[in-house]
Amino acid sequence: MSSLNKSFSDQLATFSASLHSDIFNCPEKLADFAAAVTAGNQKDLQEILDSTNIADRLEKALTVLKKELMNKELQKKIERDIEERMTKRHREYHLNEQLKWIKKELGIDDGRDKLIAKYNERVKELKMPEDVKKVYDDEINKLQTLEPLMSEFTVTRNYLDWKH
């Protein structure tokens, strides 16, 4: 847990230093410390403090700490996933911009931009449900990346023509 939270690590060091004896001689203080440093719900934390049986008190504190650890790990996973998606989108955007620039420099105009603008103009006033809008956006993005001579480009264009 201390690897996920620097503050927790600092608090643990302070707690250990405040004990003048071995931590194993003060298990009730360890349970109280665990309750104090977690973001557990008030009911669970109060149950820890109310427990007079030390083994039960430690078990409840361990449960709260495990929940805290699972929440922190889930939060880190979500942050990693978001970062990966953002990196991927940024890379795709950057590569698409480079491709546009290269085509402009080479004087290549395949009419794709006009075709996409035509589709976007057609659907501008439509009130598409969210799932339909997602499919439309996916197909337009596909059209932007495929080469016009590819059969999938023609299939995608025909799909958009038929649907709109």
C-alpha atoms as a PDB file:
ATOM      1  CA  MET A   1       0.000   0.000   0.000  1.00  0.00           C
ATOM      2  CA  SER A   2       2.851   2.353   0.766  1.00  0.00           C
ATOM      3  CA  SER A   3       4.047   2.033  -2.843  1.00  0.00           C
ATOM      4  CA  LEU A   4       0.677   3.405  -3.984  1.00  0.00           C
ATOM      5  CA  ASN A   5       0.537   6.288  -1.523  1.00  0.00           C
ATOM      6  CA  LYS A   6       3.538   8.335  -0.343  1.00  0.00           C
ATOM      7  CA  SER A   7       1.475   9.939   2.415  1.00  0.00           C
ATOM      8  CA  PHE A   8       0.600   6.512   3.817  1.00  0.00           C
ATOM      9  CA  SER A   9       4.269   5.562   3.834  1.00  0.00           C
ATOM     10  CA  ASP A  10       5.146   8.725   5.770  1.00  0.00           C
ATOM     11  CA  GLN A  11       2.344   8.137   8.274  1.00  0.00           C
ATOM     12  CA  LEU A  12       3.463   4.548   8.794  1.00  0.00           C
ATOM     13  CA  ALA A  13       7.030   5.689   9.502  1.00  0.00           C
ATOM     14  CA  THR A  14       5.769   8.275  12.011  1.00  0.00           C
ATOM     15  CA  PHE A  15       3.515   5.686  13.659  1.00  0.00           C
ATOM     16  CA  SER A  16       6.360   3.179  13.974  1.00  0.00           C
ATOM     17  CA  ALA A  17       8.645   5.807  15.470  1.00  0.00           C
ATOM     18  CA  SER A  18       5.972   6.846  18.002  1.00  0.00           C
ATOM     19  CA  LEU A  19       5.827   3.338  19.469  1.00  0.00           C
ATOM     20  CA  HIS A  20       8.421   2.937  22.148  1.00  0.00           C
ATOM     21  CA  SER A  21       8.062  -0.829  22.106  1.00  0.00           C
ATOM     22  CA  ASP A  22       7.746  -3.590  19.575  1.00  0.00           C
ATOM     23  CA  ILE A  23       4.667  -3.248  17.325  1.00  0.00           C
ATOM     24  CA  PHE A  24       3.661  -6.812  18.187  1.00  0.00           C
ATOM     25  CA  ASN A  25       3.127  -5.700  21.799  1.00  0.00           C
ATOM     26  CA  CYS A  26       0.571  -3.067  20.705  1.00  0.00           C
ATOM     27  CA  PRO A  27      -1.744  -4.751  18.168  1.00  0.00           C
ATOM     28  CA  GLU A  28      -4.713  -2.599  19.200  1.00  0.00           C
ATOM     29  CA  LYS A  29      -2.758   0.532  18.250  1.00  0.00           C
ATOM     30  CA  LEU A  30      -1.953  -1.024  14.888  1.00  0.00           C
ATOM     31  CA  ALA A  31      -5.662  -1.644  14.258  1.00  0.00           C
ATOM     32  CA  ASP A  32      -6.476   1.952  15.274  1.00  0.00           C
ATOM     33  CA  PHE A  33      -3.741   3.246  12.983  1.00  0.00           C
ATOM     34  CA  ALA A  34      -5.123   1.215  10.074  1.00  0.00           C
ATOM     35  CA  ALA A  35      -8.589   2.640  10.695  1.00  0.00           C
ATOM     36  CA  ALA A  36      -7.220   6.179  10.916  1.00  0.00           C
ATOM     37  CA  VAL A  37      -5.322   6.164   7.629  1.00  0.00           C
ATOM     38  CA  THR A  38      -7.939   4.574   5.389  1.00  0.00           C
ATOM     39  CA  ALA A  39     -10.849   6.105   3.548  1.00  0.00           C
ATOM     40  CA  GLY A  40     -13.186   3.352   4.737  1.00  0.00           C
ATOM     41  CA  ASN A  41     -16.798   4.077   5.439  1.00  0.00           C
ATOM     42  CA  GLN A  42     -17.673   5.413   8.867  1.00  0.00           C
ATOM     43  CA  LYS A  43     -19.589   2.296   9.927  1.00  0.00           C
ATOM     44  CA  ASP A  44     -16.634  -0.027   9.244  1.00  0.00           C
ATOM     45  CA  LEU A  45     -14.185   2.295  10.983  1.00  0.00           C
ATOM     46  CA  GLN A  46     -16.438   2.617  14.016  1.00  0.00           C
ATOM     47  CA  GLU A  47     -16.724  -1.180  14.212  1.00  0.00           C
ATOM     48  CA  ILE A  48     -12.934  -1.387  14.434  1.00  0.00           C
ATOM     49  CA  LEU A  49     -12.821   1.120  17.269  1.00  0.00           C
ATOM     50  CA  ASP A  50     -15.711  -0.565  19.092  1.00  0.00           C
ATOM     51  CA  SER A  51     -14.179  -4.051  18.936  1.00  0.00           C
ATOM     52  CA  THR A  52     -12.731  -5.133  22.268  1.00  0.00           C
ATOM     53  CA  ASN A  53     -11.449  -8.474  20.992  1.00  0.00           C
ATOM     54  CA  ILE A  54      -8.003  -7.673  19.603  1.00  0.00           C
ATOM     55  CA  ALA A  55      -7.999 -10.480  17.017  1.00  0.00           C
ATOM     56  CA  ASP A  56     -11.431  -9.368  15.757  1.00  0.00           C
ATOM     57  CA  ARG A  57     -10.281  -5.753  15.748  1.00  0.00           C
ATOM     58  CA  LEU A  58      -7.191  -6.614  13.665  1.00  0.00           C
ATOM     59  CA  GLU A  59      -9.298  -8.717  11.253  1.00  0.00           C
ATOM     60  CA  LYS A  60     -11.693  -5.809  10.670  1.00  0.00           C
ATOM     61  CA  ALA A  61      -8.785  -3.413  10.186  1.00  0.00           C
ATOM     62  CA  LEU A  62      -7.216  -5.799   7.677  1.00  0.00           C
ATOM     63  CA  THR A  63     -10.493  -5.977   5.743  1.00  0.00           C
ATOM     64  CA  VAL A  64     -10.677  -2.177   5.547  1.00  0.00           C
ATOM     65  CA  LEU A  65      -7.042  -2.000   4.408  1.00  0.00           C
ATOM     66  CA  LYS A  66      -7.662  -4.633   1.720  1.00  0.00           C
ATOM     67  CA  LYS A  67     -10.628  -2.622   0.399  1.00  0.00           C
ATOM     68  CA  GLU A  68      -8.454   0.487   0.361  1.00  0.00           C
ATOM     69  CA  LEU A  69      -5.716  -1.344  -1.524  1.00  0.00           C
ATOM     70  CA  MET A  70      -8.180  -2.705  -4.101  1.00  0.00           C
ATOM     71  CA  ASN A  71      -9.598   0.798  -4.629  1.00  0.00           C
ATOM     72  CA  LYS A  72      -6.116   2.276  -5.110  1.00  0.00           C
ATOM     73  CA  GLU A  73      -5.122  -0.458  -7.547  1.00  0.00           C
ATOM     74  CA  LEU A  74      -8.341   0.025  -9.525  1.00  0.00           C
ATOM     75  CA  GLN A  75      -7.756   3.768  -9.606  1.00  0.00           C
ATOM     76  CA  LYS A  76      -4.210   3.241 -10.924  1.00  0.00           C
ATOM     77  CA  LYS A  77      -5.490   0.833 -13.593  1.00  0.00           C
ATOM     78  CA  ILE A  78      -8.110   3.339 -14.744  1.00  0.00           C
ATOM     79  CA  GLU A  79      -5.485   6.080 -14.904  1.00  0.00           C
ATOM     80  CA  ARG A  80      -3.157   3.828 -16.946  1.00  0.00           C
ATOM     81  CA  ASP A  81      -5.978   2.900 -19.346  1.00  0.00           C
ATOM     82  CA  ILE A  82      -6.921   6.545 -19.851  1.00  0.00           C
ATOM     83  CA  GLU A  83      -3.280   7.488 -20.428  1.00  0.00           C
ATOM     84  CA  GLU A  84      -2.873   4.694 -22.993  1.00  0.00           C
ATOM     85  CA  ARG A  85      -6.018   5.774 -24.871  1.00  0.00           C
ATOM     86  CA  MET A  86      -4.933   9.403 -24.886  1.00  0.00           C
ATOM     87  CA  THR A  87      -1.473   8.449 -26.140  1.00  0.00           C
ATOM     88  CA  LYS A  88      -2.961   6.303 -28.897  1.00  0.00           C
ATOM     89  CA  ARG A  89      -5.359   9.058 -30.013  1.00  0.00           C
ATOM     90  CA  HIS A  90      -2.584  11.637 -29.963  1.00  0.00           C
ATOM     91  CA  ARG A  91      -0.362   9.364 -32.062  1.00  0.00           C
ATOM     92  CA  GLU A  92      -3.179   8.693 -34.566  1.00  0.00           C
ATOM     93  CA  TYR A  93      -3.928  12.401 -34.844  1.00  0.00           C
ATOM     94  CA  HIS A  94      -0.237  13.207 -35.339  1.00  0.00           C
ATOM     95  CA  LEU A  95       0.177  10.534 -38.032  1.00  0.00           C
ATOM     96  CA  ASN A  96      -2.996  11.659 -39.845  1.00  0.00           C
ATOM     97  CA  GLU A  97      -1.757  15.232 -39.861  1.00  0.00           C
ATOM     98  CA  GLN A  98       1.587  14.099 -41.253  1.00  0.00           C
ATOM     99  CA  LEU A  99      -0.211  12.101 -43.942  1.00  0.00           C
ATOM    100  CA  LYS A 100      -2.304  15.132 -44.914  1.00  0.00           C
ATOM    101  CA  TRP A 101       0.819  17.288 -45.113  1.00  0.00           C
ATOM    102  CA  ILE A 102       2.678  14.721 -47.245  1.00  0.00           C
ATOM    103  CA  LYS A 103      -0.264  14.423 -49.659  1.00  0.00           C
ATOM    104  CA  LYS A 104      -0.500  18.197 -49.889  1.00  0.00           C
ATOM    105  CA  GLU A 105       3.233  18.460 -50.596  1.00  0.00           C
ATOM    106  CA  LEU A 106       2.992  15.749 -53.262  1.00  0.00           C
ATOM    107  CA  GLY A 107      -0.104  17.337 -54.780  1.00  0.00           C
ATOM    108  CA  ILE A 108      -2.231  14.280 -54.153  1.00  0.00           C
ATOM    109  CA  ASP A 109      -5.947  15.065 -53.879  1.00  0.00           C
ATOM    110  CA  ASP A 110      -8.016  11.936 -53.830  1.00  0.00           C
ATOM    111  CA  GLY A 111     -11.262  13.827 -53.149  1.00  0.00           C
ATOM    112  CA  ARG A 112     -11.611  12.158 -49.776  1.00  0.00           C
ATOM    113  CA  ASP A 113     -12.006  15.432 -47.854  1.00  0.00           C
ATOM    114  CA  LYS A 114     -14.829  16.550 -50.153  1.00  0.00           C
ATOM    115  CA  LEU A 115     -16.531  13.161 -49.832  1.00  0.00           C
ATOM    116  CA  ILE A 116     -16.324  13.233 -46.032  1.00  0.00           C
ATOM    117  CA  ALA A 117     -17.557  16.841 -45.959  1.00  0.00           C
ATOM    118  CA  LYS A 118     -20.518  15.739 -48.108  1.00  0.00           C
ATOM    119  CA  TYR A 119     -21.430  12.970 -45.635  1.00  0.00           C
ATOM    120  CA  ASN A 120     -21.025  15.292 -42.659  1.00  0.00           C
ATOM    121  CA  GLU A 121     -23.262  17.882 -44.348  1.00  0.00           C
ATOM    122  CA  ARG A 122     -25.942  15.253 -44.976  1.00  0.00           C
ATOM    123  CA  VAL A 123     -26.064  14.114 -41.347  1.00  0.00           C
ATOM    124  CA  LYS A 124     -25.588  17.515 -39.725  1.00  0.00           C
ATOM    125  CA  GLU A 125     -29.294  18.020 -39.037  1.00  0.00           C
ATOM    126  CA  LEU A 126     -30.036  14.397 -38.111  1.00  0.00           C
ATOM    127  CA  LYS A 127     -30.695  13.540 -34.485  1.00  0.00           C
ATOM    128  CA  MET A 128     -28.874  10.210 -34.362  1.00  0.00           C
ATOM    129  CA  PRO A 129     -29.068   7.977 -31.312  1.00  0.00           C
ATOM    130  CA  GLU A 130     -25.706   7.642 -29.554  1.00  0.00           C
ATOM    131  CA  ASP A 131     -24.998   4.114 -30.845  1.00  0.00           C
ATOM    132  CA  VAL A 132     -25.808   5.135 -34.440  1.00  0.00           C
ATOM    133  CA  LYS A 133     -23.604   8.240 -34.089  1.00  0.00           C
ATOM    134  CA  LYS A 134     -20.734   6.053 -32.882  1.00  0.00           C
ATOM    135  CA  VAL A 135     -21.058   3.727 -35.894  1.00  0.00           C
ATOM    136  CA  TYR A 136     -21.207   6.739 -38.226  1.00  0.00           C
ATOM    137  CA  ASP A 137     -18.102   8.280 -36.629  1.00  0.00           C
ATOM    138  CA  ASP A 138     -16.255   4.954 -36.841  1.00  0.00           C
ATOM    139  CA  GLU A 139     -17.090   4.617 -40.543  1.00  0.00           C
ATOM    140  CA  ILE A 140     -16.036   8.213 -41.296  1.00  0.00           C
ATOM    141  CA  ASN A 141     -12.756   7.650 -39.418  1.00  0.00           C
ATOM    142  CA  LYS A 142     -12.219   4.467 -41.399  1.00  0.00           C
ATOM    143  CA  LEU A 143     -12.874   6.364 -44.636  1.00  0.00           C
ATOM    144  CA  GLN A 144     -10.249   8.955 -43.645  1.00  0.00           C
ATOM    145  CA  THR A 145      -7.544   6.343 -43.172  1.00  0.00           C
ATOM    146  CA  LEU A 146      -8.202   3.900 -46.023  1.00  0.00           C
ATOM    147  CA  GLU A 147      -6.669   4.395 -49.436  1.00  0.00           C
ATOM    148  CA  PRO A 148      -9.280   5.044 -52.164  1.00  0.00           C
ATOM    149  CA  LEU A 149      -8.017   2.138 -54.265  1.00  0.00           C
ATOM    150  CA  MET A 150      -8.650  -0.344 -51.459  1.00  0.00           C
ATOM    151  CA  SER A 151     -11.815  -2.425 -51.727  1.00  0.00           C
ATOM    152  CA  GLU A 152     -12.690  -1.635 -48.102  1.00  0.00           C
ATOM    153  CA  PHE A 153     -12.772   2.074 -48.984  1.00  0.00           C
ATOM    154  CA  THR A 154     -15.438   1.353 -51.608  1.00  0.00           C
ATOM    155  CA  VAL A 155     -17.383  -0.882 -49.210  1.00  0.00           C
ATOM    156  CA  THR A 156     -17.305   1.802 -46.509  1.00  0.00           C
ATOM    157  CA  ARG A 157     -18.331   4.522 -48.962  1.00  0.00           C
ATOM    158  CA  ASN A 158     -21.209   2.367 -50.271  1.00  0.00           C
ATOM    159  CA  TYR A 159     -22.294   1.629 -46.680  1.00  0.00           C
ATOM    160  CA  LEU A 160     -22.413   5.337 -45.883  1.00  0.00           C
ATOM    161  CA  ASP A 161     -24.266   6.082 -49.144  1.00  0.00           C
ATOM    162  CA  TRP A 162     -26.840   3.387 -48.396  1.00  0.00           C
ATOM    163  CA  LYS A 163     -27.362   4.431 -44.743  1.00  0.00           C
ATOM    164  CA  HIS A 164     -27.573   8.147 -45.415  1.00  0.00           C
END
